N, C-alpha and C. Protein backbone atom coordinates (compact mmCIF):
# COMPACT_ATOMS: atom_id res chain seq x y z
N MET A 1 -19.05 1.29 1.15
CA MET A 1 -17.75 0.62 1.21
C MET A 1 -16.74 1.51 1.91
N LYS A 2 -15.68 0.88 2.44
CA LYS A 2 -14.61 1.60 3.11
C LYS A 2 -13.34 1.47 2.28
N LEU A 3 -12.73 2.61 1.99
CA LEU A 3 -11.54 2.68 1.14
C LEU A 3 -10.38 3.25 1.94
N LEU A 4 -9.28 2.54 1.97
CA LEU A 4 -8.07 3.00 2.64
C LEU A 4 -7.08 3.49 1.60
N HIS A 5 -6.64 4.74 1.75
CA HIS A 5 -5.73 5.39 0.79
C HIS A 5 -4.38 5.60 1.47
N ILE A 6 -3.33 5.00 0.89
CA ILE A 6 -1.98 5.06 1.45
C ILE A 6 -1.05 5.79 0.49
N ASP A 7 -0.41 6.85 0.96
CA ASP A 7 0.66 7.52 0.21
C ASP A 7 1.99 7.25 0.92
N SER A 8 3.07 7.18 0.14
CA SER A 8 4.36 6.89 0.76
C SER A 8 5.52 7.70 0.18
N SER A 9 5.27 8.50 -0.85
CA SER A 9 6.34 9.26 -1.48
C SER A 9 6.82 10.40 -0.58
N ILE A 10 8.13 10.65 -0.63
CA ILE A 10 8.72 11.74 0.14
C ILE A 10 8.75 13.05 -0.66
N LEU A 11 8.20 13.06 -1.87
CA LEU A 11 8.35 14.22 -2.77
C LEU A 11 7.23 15.24 -2.66
N GLY A 12 6.29 15.04 -1.78
CA GLY A 12 5.23 16.03 -1.59
C GLY A 12 4.44 16.30 -2.86
N ASP A 13 4.23 17.57 -3.15
CA ASP A 13 3.43 17.96 -4.31
C ASP A 13 4.09 17.60 -5.63
N ASN A 14 5.38 17.28 -5.61
CA ASN A 14 6.09 16.90 -6.84
C ASN A 14 5.99 15.40 -7.14
N SER A 15 5.24 14.69 -6.33
CA SER A 15 5.16 13.24 -6.45
C SER A 15 4.15 12.79 -7.49
N ALA A 16 4.61 11.99 -8.45
CA ALA A 16 3.70 11.42 -9.44
C ALA A 16 2.77 10.40 -8.80
N SER A 17 3.30 9.60 -7.87
CA SER A 17 2.46 8.56 -7.26
C SER A 17 1.35 9.19 -6.42
N ARG A 18 1.64 10.30 -5.75
CA ARG A 18 0.59 10.97 -4.97
C ARG A 18 -0.50 11.52 -5.90
N GLN A 19 -0.08 12.12 -6.99
CA GLN A 19 -1.05 12.66 -7.94
C GLN A 19 -1.97 11.56 -8.47
N LEU A 20 -1.37 10.44 -8.84
CA LEU A 20 -2.15 9.36 -9.43
C LEU A 20 -3.00 8.63 -8.40
N SER A 21 -2.48 8.43 -7.19
CA SER A 21 -3.29 7.75 -6.17
C SER A 21 -4.50 8.59 -5.79
N SER A 22 -4.31 9.91 -5.74
CA SER A 22 -5.44 10.80 -5.47
C SER A 22 -6.49 10.71 -6.57
N GLU A 23 -6.01 10.60 -7.80
CA GLU A 23 -6.91 10.48 -8.94
C GLU A 23 -7.69 9.16 -8.88
N VAL A 24 -7.01 8.08 -8.47
CA VAL A 24 -7.69 6.79 -8.33
C VAL A 24 -8.80 6.89 -7.29
N VAL A 25 -8.50 7.50 -6.15
CA VAL A 25 -9.49 7.63 -5.08
C VAL A 25 -10.68 8.46 -5.54
N LYS A 26 -10.42 9.55 -6.24
CA LYS A 26 -11.53 10.39 -6.74
C LYS A 26 -12.40 9.62 -7.73
N ALA A 27 -11.75 8.83 -8.60
CA ALA A 27 -12.51 8.03 -9.56
C ALA A 27 -13.33 6.97 -8.82
N TRP A 28 -12.76 6.42 -7.77
CA TRP A 28 -13.47 5.41 -6.98
C TRP A 28 -14.69 6.03 -6.31
N GLN A 29 -14.52 7.24 -5.78
CA GLN A 29 -15.64 7.93 -5.13
C GLN A 29 -16.73 8.27 -6.14
N THR A 30 -16.35 8.54 -7.37
CA THR A 30 -17.35 8.79 -8.41
C THR A 30 -18.12 7.52 -8.72
N ALA A 31 -17.39 6.40 -8.78
CA ALA A 31 -18.03 5.11 -9.06
C ALA A 31 -18.82 4.60 -7.87
N GLU A 32 -18.35 4.93 -6.66
CA GLU A 32 -19.00 4.50 -5.41
C GLU A 32 -19.21 5.73 -4.53
N PRO A 33 -20.27 6.50 -4.77
CA PRO A 33 -20.47 7.77 -4.05
C PRO A 33 -20.57 7.62 -2.53
N THR A 34 -20.91 6.45 -2.05
CA THR A 34 -21.04 6.27 -0.60
C THR A 34 -19.74 5.81 0.05
N ALA A 35 -18.68 5.70 -0.73
CA ALA A 35 -17.40 5.23 -0.19
C ALA A 35 -16.88 6.16 0.90
N VAL A 36 -16.42 5.56 1.99
CA VAL A 36 -15.82 6.31 3.10
C VAL A 36 -14.31 6.10 3.02
N VAL A 37 -13.57 7.21 2.92
CA VAL A 37 -12.12 7.13 2.69
C VAL A 37 -11.35 7.43 3.97
N THR A 38 -10.41 6.55 4.30
CA THR A 38 -9.45 6.80 5.37
C THR A 38 -8.09 7.00 4.71
N TYR A 39 -7.37 8.05 5.12
CA TYR A 39 -6.12 8.40 4.46
C TYR A 39 -4.95 8.31 5.43
N ARG A 40 -3.85 7.71 4.96
CA ARG A 40 -2.61 7.68 5.72
C ARG A 40 -1.47 8.15 4.84
N ASP A 41 -0.74 9.15 5.31
CA ASP A 41 0.44 9.65 4.62
C ASP A 41 1.65 9.14 5.38
N LEU A 42 2.29 8.13 4.85
CA LEU A 42 3.38 7.46 5.55
C LEU A 42 4.68 8.26 5.53
N ALA A 43 4.75 9.28 4.69
CA ALA A 43 5.94 10.14 4.67
C ALA A 43 5.79 11.26 5.70
N ALA A 44 4.63 11.88 5.73
CA ALA A 44 4.39 12.98 6.67
C ALA A 44 4.21 12.49 8.10
N ASP A 45 3.63 11.31 8.23
CA ASP A 45 3.37 10.73 9.56
C ASP A 45 3.87 9.29 9.54
N ALA A 46 5.19 9.16 9.56
CA ALA A 46 5.82 7.85 9.36
C ALA A 46 5.53 6.89 10.50
N ILE A 47 5.30 5.63 10.14
CA ILE A 47 5.16 4.56 11.11
C ILE A 47 6.55 4.05 11.44
N SER A 48 6.86 3.92 12.72
CA SER A 48 8.19 3.45 13.11
C SER A 48 8.40 2.03 12.62
N HIS A 49 9.66 1.72 12.32
CA HIS A 49 10.00 0.39 11.83
C HIS A 49 9.94 -0.63 12.98
N PHE A 50 9.74 -1.86 12.59
CA PHE A 50 9.72 -2.96 13.56
C PHE A 50 10.99 -2.91 14.41
N SER A 51 10.83 -3.12 15.70
CA SER A 51 11.97 -3.11 16.61
C SER A 51 11.70 -4.07 17.75
N SER A 52 12.69 -4.22 18.62
CA SER A 52 12.48 -5.07 19.79
C SER A 52 11.37 -4.51 20.67
N THR A 53 11.23 -3.19 20.70
CA THR A 53 10.16 -2.58 21.48
C THR A 53 8.79 -2.99 20.95
N THR A 54 8.67 -3.07 19.62
CA THR A 54 7.43 -3.50 19.00
C THR A 54 7.07 -4.90 19.46
N LEU A 55 8.04 -5.80 19.42
CA LEU A 55 7.79 -7.19 19.79
C LEU A 55 7.50 -7.34 21.28
N VAL A 56 8.25 -6.62 22.10
CA VAL A 56 8.02 -6.70 23.54
C VAL A 56 6.64 -6.14 23.89
N ALA A 57 6.26 -5.06 23.23
CA ALA A 57 4.94 -4.46 23.48
C ALA A 57 3.82 -5.44 23.17
N ALA A 58 3.98 -6.18 22.07
CA ALA A 58 2.95 -7.14 21.68
C ALA A 58 2.80 -8.26 22.69
N GLY A 59 3.89 -8.58 23.38
CA GLY A 59 3.85 -9.68 24.33
C GLY A 59 3.69 -9.26 25.77
N THR A 60 3.42 -7.98 25.99
CA THR A 60 3.27 -7.45 27.35
C THR A 60 1.84 -6.98 27.56
N THR A 61 1.25 -7.33 28.69
CA THR A 61 -0.11 -6.89 28.98
C THR A 61 -0.15 -5.38 29.12
N ALA A 62 -1.29 -4.79 28.81
CA ALA A 62 -1.42 -3.33 28.73
C ALA A 62 -0.99 -2.63 30.01
N GLU A 63 -1.34 -3.21 31.16
CA GLU A 63 -1.04 -2.53 32.42
C GLU A 63 0.44 -2.56 32.78
N LEU A 64 1.21 -3.42 32.11
CA LEU A 64 2.64 -3.52 32.40
C LEU A 64 3.51 -2.81 31.37
N ARG A 65 2.91 -2.26 30.32
CA ARG A 65 3.69 -1.57 29.29
C ARG A 65 4.17 -0.21 29.77
N ASP A 66 5.41 0.15 29.37
CA ASP A 66 5.85 1.52 29.61
C ASP A 66 5.33 2.40 28.48
N ALA A 67 5.67 3.68 28.49
CA ALA A 67 5.10 4.62 27.51
C ALA A 67 5.49 4.26 26.09
N ALA A 68 6.74 3.88 25.88
CA ALA A 68 7.20 3.53 24.52
C ALA A 68 6.50 2.28 24.03
N GLN A 69 6.35 1.30 24.90
CA GLN A 69 5.66 0.06 24.52
C GLN A 69 4.18 0.32 24.25
N GLN A 70 3.57 1.18 25.04
CA GLN A 70 2.16 1.51 24.82
C GLN A 70 1.96 2.19 23.48
N HIS A 71 2.89 3.09 23.13
CA HIS A 71 2.82 3.77 21.83
C HIS A 71 2.92 2.74 20.70
N GLU A 72 3.86 1.82 20.80
CA GLU A 72 4.03 0.80 19.77
C GLU A 72 2.79 -0.08 19.65
N ALA A 73 2.23 -0.47 20.77
CA ALA A 73 1.05 -1.34 20.75
C ALA A 73 -0.14 -0.62 20.12
N GLU A 74 -0.32 0.65 20.46
CA GLU A 74 -1.44 1.42 19.90
C GLU A 74 -1.25 1.66 18.41
N LEU A 75 -0.01 1.91 17.99
CA LEU A 75 0.28 2.12 16.57
C LEU A 75 0.00 0.85 15.77
N SER A 76 0.44 -0.27 16.28
CA SER A 76 0.18 -1.54 15.60
C SER A 76 -1.31 -1.82 15.51
N ALA A 77 -2.02 -1.59 16.61
CA ALA A 77 -3.45 -1.89 16.65
C ALA A 77 -4.24 -1.00 15.70
N SER A 78 -3.94 0.29 15.69
CA SER A 78 -4.70 1.22 14.85
C SER A 78 -4.42 0.99 13.36
N THR A 79 -3.16 0.70 13.03
CA THR A 79 -2.79 0.44 11.64
C THR A 79 -3.48 -0.82 11.14
N LEU A 80 -3.44 -1.86 11.93
CA LEU A 80 -4.08 -3.12 11.55
C LEU A 80 -5.60 -2.95 11.44
N ALA A 81 -6.20 -2.22 12.38
CA ALA A 81 -7.65 -2.03 12.37
C ALA A 81 -8.11 -1.30 11.11
N GLU A 82 -7.34 -0.30 10.68
CA GLU A 82 -7.67 0.42 9.45
C GLU A 82 -7.67 -0.52 8.25
N PHE A 83 -6.65 -1.36 8.19
CA PHE A 83 -6.54 -2.29 7.06
C PHE A 83 -7.65 -3.33 7.08
N LEU A 84 -7.92 -3.90 8.24
CA LEU A 84 -8.96 -4.92 8.34
C LEU A 84 -10.34 -4.37 8.01
N ALA A 85 -10.57 -3.11 8.35
CA ALA A 85 -11.89 -2.50 8.11
C ALA A 85 -12.11 -2.15 6.65
N ALA A 86 -11.03 -2.01 5.88
CA ALA A 86 -11.15 -1.55 4.50
C ALA A 86 -11.64 -2.65 3.57
N ASP A 87 -12.56 -2.27 2.69
CA ASP A 87 -12.98 -3.17 1.62
C ASP A 87 -12.00 -3.12 0.45
N ALA A 88 -11.35 -1.97 0.30
CA ALA A 88 -10.40 -1.77 -0.79
C ALA A 88 -9.28 -0.85 -0.31
N VAL A 89 -8.11 -1.02 -0.92
CA VAL A 89 -6.94 -0.23 -0.53
C VAL A 89 -6.26 0.32 -1.78
N VAL A 90 -5.99 1.61 -1.78
CA VAL A 90 -5.23 2.27 -2.84
C VAL A 90 -3.86 2.61 -2.27
N ILE A 91 -2.81 2.09 -2.88
CA ILE A 91 -1.46 2.26 -2.34
C ILE A 91 -0.57 2.92 -3.38
N ALA A 92 -0.02 4.06 -3.03
CA ALA A 92 0.97 4.72 -3.88
C ALA A 92 2.33 4.16 -3.54
N ALA A 93 2.95 3.50 -4.52
CA ALA A 93 4.21 2.79 -4.27
C ALA A 93 5.28 3.21 -5.27
N PRO A 94 5.94 4.33 -5.04
CA PRO A 94 7.06 4.70 -5.92
C PRO A 94 8.23 3.74 -5.69
N MET A 95 9.08 3.63 -6.69
CA MET A 95 10.28 2.80 -6.55
C MET A 95 11.44 3.65 -6.05
N TYR A 96 12.04 3.20 -4.96
CA TYR A 96 13.27 3.81 -4.44
C TYR A 96 14.34 2.72 -4.41
N ASN A 97 15.40 2.90 -5.19
CA ASN A 97 16.51 1.95 -5.18
C ASN A 97 16.04 0.51 -5.39
N PHE A 98 15.20 0.35 -6.40
CA PHE A 98 14.70 -0.95 -6.87
C PHE A 98 13.69 -1.61 -5.93
N THR A 99 13.18 -0.89 -4.95
CA THR A 99 12.19 -1.48 -4.07
C THR A 99 11.22 -0.40 -3.61
N ILE A 100 10.33 -0.75 -2.69
CA ILE A 100 9.36 0.21 -2.19
C ILE A 100 9.99 1.10 -1.12
N PRO A 101 9.40 2.25 -0.83
CA PRO A 101 9.92 3.09 0.25
C PRO A 101 9.91 2.34 1.59
N THR A 102 10.87 2.62 2.43
CA THR A 102 10.91 1.96 3.73
C THR A 102 9.67 2.30 4.55
N GLN A 103 9.11 3.49 4.33
CA GLN A 103 7.89 3.87 5.05
C GLN A 103 6.75 2.90 4.73
N LEU A 104 6.66 2.50 3.46
CA LEU A 104 5.61 1.57 3.06
C LEU A 104 5.89 0.17 3.62
N LYS A 105 7.16 -0.22 3.64
CA LYS A 105 7.51 -1.52 4.23
C LYS A 105 7.15 -1.55 5.71
N ALA A 106 7.35 -0.44 6.42
CA ALA A 106 6.99 -0.39 7.84
C ALA A 106 5.50 -0.58 8.04
N TRP A 107 4.69 -0.01 7.12
CA TRP A 107 3.23 -0.19 7.20
C TRP A 107 2.87 -1.65 6.95
N ILE A 108 3.50 -2.26 5.95
CA ILE A 108 3.22 -3.67 5.64
C ILE A 108 3.56 -4.55 6.84
N ASP A 109 4.66 -4.25 7.52
CA ASP A 109 5.04 -5.04 8.69
C ASP A 109 3.98 -4.96 9.79
N ARG A 110 3.22 -3.88 9.84
CA ARG A 110 2.18 -3.75 10.87
C ARG A 110 0.88 -4.46 10.49
N ILE A 111 0.68 -4.72 9.20
CA ILE A 111 -0.58 -5.37 8.81
C ILE A 111 -0.40 -6.86 8.55
N ALA A 112 0.83 -7.33 8.45
CA ALA A 112 1.08 -8.75 8.25
C ALA A 112 1.19 -9.39 9.63
N VAL A 113 0.06 -9.80 10.16
CA VAL A 113 -0.02 -10.28 11.55
C VAL A 113 -0.62 -11.68 11.58
N ALA A 114 0.14 -12.62 12.08
CA ALA A 114 -0.34 -14.00 12.17
C ALA A 114 -1.60 -14.06 13.02
N GLY A 115 -2.59 -14.78 12.51
CA GLY A 115 -3.85 -14.91 13.21
C GLY A 115 -4.85 -13.81 12.89
N GLN A 116 -4.38 -12.76 12.23
CA GLN A 116 -5.25 -11.64 11.88
C GLN A 116 -5.40 -11.49 10.36
N THR A 117 -4.28 -11.45 9.66
CA THR A 117 -4.33 -11.30 8.21
C THR A 117 -3.81 -12.54 7.48
N PHE A 118 -3.20 -13.45 8.20
CA PHE A 118 -2.80 -14.75 7.65
C PHE A 118 -2.66 -15.72 8.81
N ARG A 119 -2.59 -16.99 8.49
CA ARG A 119 -2.34 -18.00 9.51
C ARG A 119 -1.62 -19.18 8.86
N TYR A 120 -0.92 -19.91 9.69
CA TYR A 120 -0.27 -21.12 9.24
C TYR A 120 -1.11 -22.32 9.61
N THR A 121 -1.27 -23.25 8.67
CA THR A 121 -2.03 -24.47 8.90
C THR A 121 -1.15 -25.67 8.55
N GLU A 122 -1.68 -26.87 8.79
CA GLU A 122 -0.93 -28.07 8.44
C GLU A 122 -0.68 -28.15 6.94
N ALA A 123 -1.55 -27.47 6.18
CA ALA A 123 -1.40 -27.48 4.72
C ALA A 123 -0.54 -26.32 4.21
N GLY A 124 -0.09 -25.46 5.13
CA GLY A 124 0.72 -24.31 4.73
C GLY A 124 0.05 -23.00 5.10
N PRO A 125 0.61 -21.87 4.68
CA PRO A 125 0.04 -20.57 5.04
C PRO A 125 -1.29 -20.32 4.34
N GLU A 126 -2.16 -19.59 5.02
CA GLU A 126 -3.47 -19.24 4.46
C GLU A 126 -3.73 -17.75 4.69
N GLY A 127 -3.99 -17.01 3.62
CA GLY A 127 -4.33 -15.60 3.75
C GLY A 127 -5.76 -15.44 4.23
N LEU A 128 -6.00 -14.40 5.03
CA LEU A 128 -7.32 -14.20 5.63
C LEU A 128 -8.01 -12.94 5.13
N CYS A 129 -7.47 -12.33 4.07
CA CYS A 129 -8.00 -11.04 3.59
C CYS A 129 -8.50 -11.13 2.15
N GLY A 130 -9.02 -12.29 1.78
CA GLY A 130 -9.36 -12.53 0.38
C GLY A 130 -10.45 -11.66 -0.21
N GLY A 131 -11.24 -11.01 0.61
CA GLY A 131 -12.34 -10.22 0.07
C GLY A 131 -11.96 -8.81 -0.34
N LYS A 132 -10.72 -8.43 -0.14
CA LYS A 132 -10.32 -7.05 -0.42
C LYS A 132 -9.81 -6.88 -1.85
N LYS A 133 -9.91 -5.65 -2.36
CA LYS A 133 -9.31 -5.27 -3.63
C LYS A 133 -8.19 -4.28 -3.34
N VAL A 134 -7.08 -4.43 -4.04
CA VAL A 134 -5.95 -3.52 -3.87
C VAL A 134 -5.58 -2.92 -5.23
N VAL A 135 -5.49 -1.60 -5.29
CA VAL A 135 -4.98 -0.90 -6.46
C VAL A 135 -3.65 -0.28 -6.07
N ILE A 136 -2.60 -0.64 -6.80
CA ILE A 136 -1.26 -0.14 -6.51
C ILE A 136 -0.82 0.82 -7.60
N VAL A 137 -0.53 2.03 -7.21
CA VAL A 137 0.02 3.02 -8.14
C VAL A 137 1.53 2.86 -8.13
N SER A 138 2.06 2.34 -9.22
CA SER A 138 3.48 2.01 -9.33
C SER A 138 4.18 3.05 -10.19
N THR A 139 5.12 3.78 -9.61
CA THR A 139 5.86 4.79 -10.36
C THR A 139 7.36 4.54 -10.21
N SER A 140 8.09 4.92 -11.25
CA SER A 140 9.55 4.78 -11.19
C SER A 140 10.19 5.66 -12.24
N GLY A 141 11.44 6.00 -11.98
CA GLY A 141 12.19 6.80 -12.94
C GLY A 141 12.60 6.01 -14.17
N GLY A 142 12.82 4.69 -13.99
CA GLY A 142 13.24 3.83 -15.09
C GLY A 142 12.12 2.91 -15.54
N LEU A 143 12.50 1.91 -16.34
CA LEU A 143 11.54 0.93 -16.86
C LEU A 143 11.88 -0.42 -16.26
N HIS A 144 11.04 -0.88 -15.33
CA HIS A 144 11.38 -2.06 -14.54
C HIS A 144 10.32 -3.16 -14.56
N ALA A 145 9.12 -2.87 -15.03
CA ALA A 145 8.05 -3.87 -15.00
C ALA A 145 8.45 -5.09 -15.82
N GLY A 146 8.35 -6.26 -15.20
CA GLY A 146 8.70 -7.49 -15.88
C GLY A 146 10.19 -7.77 -15.96
N GLN A 147 11.00 -6.89 -15.36
CA GLN A 147 12.45 -7.06 -15.38
C GLN A 147 12.95 -7.50 -14.00
N ALA A 148 14.16 -7.99 -13.95
CA ALA A 148 14.75 -8.40 -12.67
C ALA A 148 14.80 -7.24 -11.69
N THR A 149 14.98 -6.04 -12.23
CA THR A 149 15.07 -4.87 -11.36
C THR A 149 13.73 -4.51 -10.71
N GLY A 150 12.64 -5.13 -11.16
CA GLY A 150 11.34 -4.83 -10.59
C GLY A 150 10.86 -5.86 -9.58
N VAL A 151 11.67 -6.90 -9.35
CA VAL A 151 11.24 -7.99 -8.48
C VAL A 151 10.95 -7.52 -7.06
N ALA A 152 11.75 -6.61 -6.54
CA ALA A 152 11.57 -6.15 -5.16
C ALA A 152 10.59 -4.98 -5.08
N HIS A 153 9.94 -4.67 -6.19
CA HIS A 153 8.98 -3.58 -6.23
C HIS A 153 7.59 -4.16 -6.46
N GLU A 154 7.16 -4.26 -7.70
CA GLU A 154 5.83 -4.78 -7.99
C GLU A 154 5.69 -6.25 -7.63
N GLU A 155 6.70 -7.06 -7.95
CA GLU A 155 6.59 -8.49 -7.66
C GLU A 155 6.50 -8.74 -6.16
N TYR A 156 7.27 -7.99 -5.40
CA TYR A 156 7.19 -8.13 -3.94
C TYR A 156 5.79 -7.82 -3.44
N LEU A 157 5.19 -6.75 -3.94
CA LEU A 157 3.85 -6.38 -3.49
C LEU A 157 2.82 -7.43 -3.86
N LYS A 158 2.95 -8.02 -5.05
CA LYS A 158 2.03 -9.08 -5.45
C LYS A 158 2.17 -10.30 -4.53
N VAL A 159 3.41 -10.66 -4.23
CA VAL A 159 3.65 -11.80 -3.34
C VAL A 159 3.11 -11.50 -1.94
N MET A 160 3.38 -10.30 -1.44
CA MET A 160 3.00 -9.96 -0.08
C MET A 160 1.48 -9.96 0.09
N PHE A 161 0.77 -9.28 -0.81
CA PHE A 161 -0.68 -9.23 -0.67
C PHE A 161 -1.32 -10.57 -1.02
N GLY A 162 -0.68 -11.30 -1.92
CA GLY A 162 -1.14 -12.66 -2.20
C GLY A 162 -1.03 -13.54 -0.97
N PHE A 163 0.03 -13.37 -0.21
CA PHE A 163 0.23 -14.11 1.03
C PHE A 163 -0.89 -13.82 2.02
N LEU A 164 -1.43 -12.61 1.97
CA LEU A 164 -2.54 -12.23 2.84
C LEU A 164 -3.89 -12.67 2.27
N GLY A 165 -3.85 -13.33 1.13
CA GLY A 165 -5.07 -13.86 0.53
C GLY A 165 -5.71 -12.96 -0.49
N ILE A 166 -5.06 -11.85 -0.83
CA ILE A 166 -5.64 -10.89 -1.76
C ILE A 166 -5.17 -11.20 -3.18
N THR A 167 -6.09 -11.53 -4.04
CA THR A 167 -5.76 -11.84 -5.43
C THR A 167 -6.29 -10.77 -6.39
N ASP A 168 -7.19 -9.94 -5.92
CA ASP A 168 -7.75 -8.86 -6.75
C ASP A 168 -6.84 -7.65 -6.63
N ILE A 169 -5.76 -7.67 -7.41
CA ILE A 169 -4.74 -6.63 -7.35
C ILE A 169 -4.58 -6.03 -8.74
N GLU A 170 -4.66 -4.71 -8.82
CA GLU A 170 -4.50 -4.03 -10.11
C GLU A 170 -3.43 -2.95 -9.98
N PHE A 171 -2.61 -2.84 -11.01
CA PHE A 171 -1.55 -1.84 -11.02
C PHE A 171 -1.91 -0.70 -11.97
N VAL A 172 -1.72 0.52 -11.50
CA VAL A 172 -1.74 1.72 -12.33
C VAL A 172 -0.28 2.15 -12.42
N ARG A 173 0.28 2.06 -13.60
CA ARG A 173 1.73 2.17 -13.74
C ARG A 173 2.14 3.42 -14.53
N ALA A 174 3.13 4.15 -13.98
CA ALA A 174 3.76 5.26 -14.70
C ALA A 174 5.26 5.12 -14.49
N HIS A 175 5.91 4.50 -15.46
CA HIS A 175 7.35 4.25 -15.36
C HIS A 175 8.10 5.06 -16.43
N GLY A 176 9.42 5.13 -16.27
CA GLY A 176 10.24 5.91 -17.20
C GLY A 176 10.13 7.40 -16.97
N LEU A 177 9.75 7.80 -15.76
CA LEU A 177 9.49 9.22 -15.50
C LEU A 177 10.75 10.08 -15.54
N ALA A 178 11.91 9.45 -15.48
CA ALA A 178 13.17 10.21 -15.55
C ALA A 178 13.80 10.16 -16.93
N TYR A 179 13.08 9.61 -17.90
CA TYR A 179 13.63 9.43 -19.24
C TYR A 179 13.39 10.62 -20.17
N GLY A 180 13.04 11.73 -19.61
CA GLY A 180 12.79 12.92 -20.42
C GLY A 180 11.32 13.26 -20.48
N ASP A 181 11.05 14.50 -20.91
CA ASP A 181 9.69 15.01 -20.90
C ASP A 181 8.73 14.18 -21.74
N GLU A 182 9.17 13.76 -22.90
CA GLU A 182 8.26 13.03 -23.79
C GLU A 182 7.79 11.72 -23.17
N VAL A 183 8.74 10.96 -22.62
CA VAL A 183 8.39 9.68 -22.00
C VAL A 183 7.55 9.90 -20.75
N ARG A 184 7.90 10.90 -19.96
CA ARG A 184 7.15 11.18 -18.74
C ARG A 184 5.70 11.57 -19.05
N ILE A 185 5.55 12.45 -20.02
CA ILE A 185 4.20 12.91 -20.38
C ILE A 185 3.34 11.75 -20.86
N LYS A 186 3.93 10.87 -21.68
CA LYS A 186 3.17 9.71 -22.17
C LYS A 186 2.82 8.75 -21.04
N ALA A 187 3.78 8.50 -20.15
CA ALA A 187 3.54 7.58 -19.04
C ALA A 187 2.41 8.09 -18.15
N MET A 188 2.43 9.37 -17.84
CA MET A 188 1.38 9.94 -16.99
C MET A 188 0.05 9.96 -17.73
N SER A 189 0.08 10.27 -19.02
CA SER A 189 -1.14 10.28 -19.82
C SER A 189 -1.77 8.90 -19.87
N ASP A 190 -0.95 7.87 -20.07
CA ASP A 190 -1.46 6.50 -20.11
C ASP A 190 -2.07 6.11 -18.77
N ALA A 191 -1.44 6.54 -17.68
CA ALA A 191 -1.97 6.23 -16.35
C ALA A 191 -3.30 6.93 -16.14
N HIS A 192 -3.40 8.20 -16.54
CA HIS A 192 -4.66 8.94 -16.42
C HIS A 192 -5.76 8.24 -17.21
N THR A 193 -5.43 7.77 -18.41
CA THR A 193 -6.41 7.08 -19.25
C THR A 193 -6.87 5.80 -18.59
N GLN A 194 -5.93 5.05 -18.04
CA GLN A 194 -6.29 3.80 -17.35
C GLN A 194 -7.26 4.08 -16.21
N ILE A 195 -6.97 5.10 -15.43
CA ILE A 195 -7.83 5.43 -14.29
C ILE A 195 -9.23 5.86 -14.75
N SER A 196 -9.28 6.74 -15.73
CA SER A 196 -10.56 7.31 -16.13
C SER A 196 -11.40 6.40 -17.00
N GLU A 197 -10.74 5.53 -17.80
CA GLU A 197 -11.51 4.76 -18.78
C GLU A 197 -11.55 3.25 -18.52
N GLN A 198 -10.58 2.75 -17.74
CA GLN A 198 -10.50 1.30 -17.59
C GLN A 198 -10.69 0.80 -16.16
N LEU A 199 -10.20 1.53 -15.18
CA LEU A 199 -10.15 1.03 -13.81
C LEU A 199 -11.53 0.68 -13.27
N PHE A 200 -12.51 1.50 -13.59
CA PHE A 200 -13.84 1.28 -13.06
C PHE A 200 -14.86 1.10 -14.19
N ALA A 201 -14.38 0.54 -15.29
CA ALA A 201 -15.25 0.37 -16.46
C ALA A 201 -16.43 -0.54 -16.16
N ALA A 202 -16.23 -1.49 -15.24
CA ALA A 202 -17.31 -2.43 -14.95
C ALA A 202 -18.25 -1.91 -13.88
N ALA A 203 -17.92 -0.77 -13.28
CA ALA A 203 -18.73 -0.25 -12.17
C ALA A 203 -20.02 0.35 -12.72
């Protein structure tokens, strides 16, 4: 199987989401020893945000693109190809200001491509990525799951990947990380337990 691992936190080694996403990938490799992992660090190697150059590049033949357009076209193509090739995706999604990091949104904008990962039909939109599994490592300083403040975080991700046809979505959650040592330790401990004892229990 092919596993795509996405990190997006700007906190480096201090990131809870990076620690947990790495742990998920290691557990997955234990459950699936033949898994081939592709890694993208969206903070260290940020994908540029959608722009007019992105759109113009997509509509311009390769021989007529300038250097900036060629870069945009190659970035879009390689990002999409990684996602399409993956059987499963592990995404570290910390909450920044009630939503996902802009770096992660930029990646999503590159994989949400009409005719590739979804299409519109007379009956409405149809996702084309139904065979994939997505594990989202959700971290936040506060407690937002199931609350209005979490709509642009976890709920957005569920809607977005659902739009692409992915229904096999699991969250590994560590929230309340800014509520003091006791709450943080418990949240991380619960996440570790979920990864080690529940995430691949059926494997």
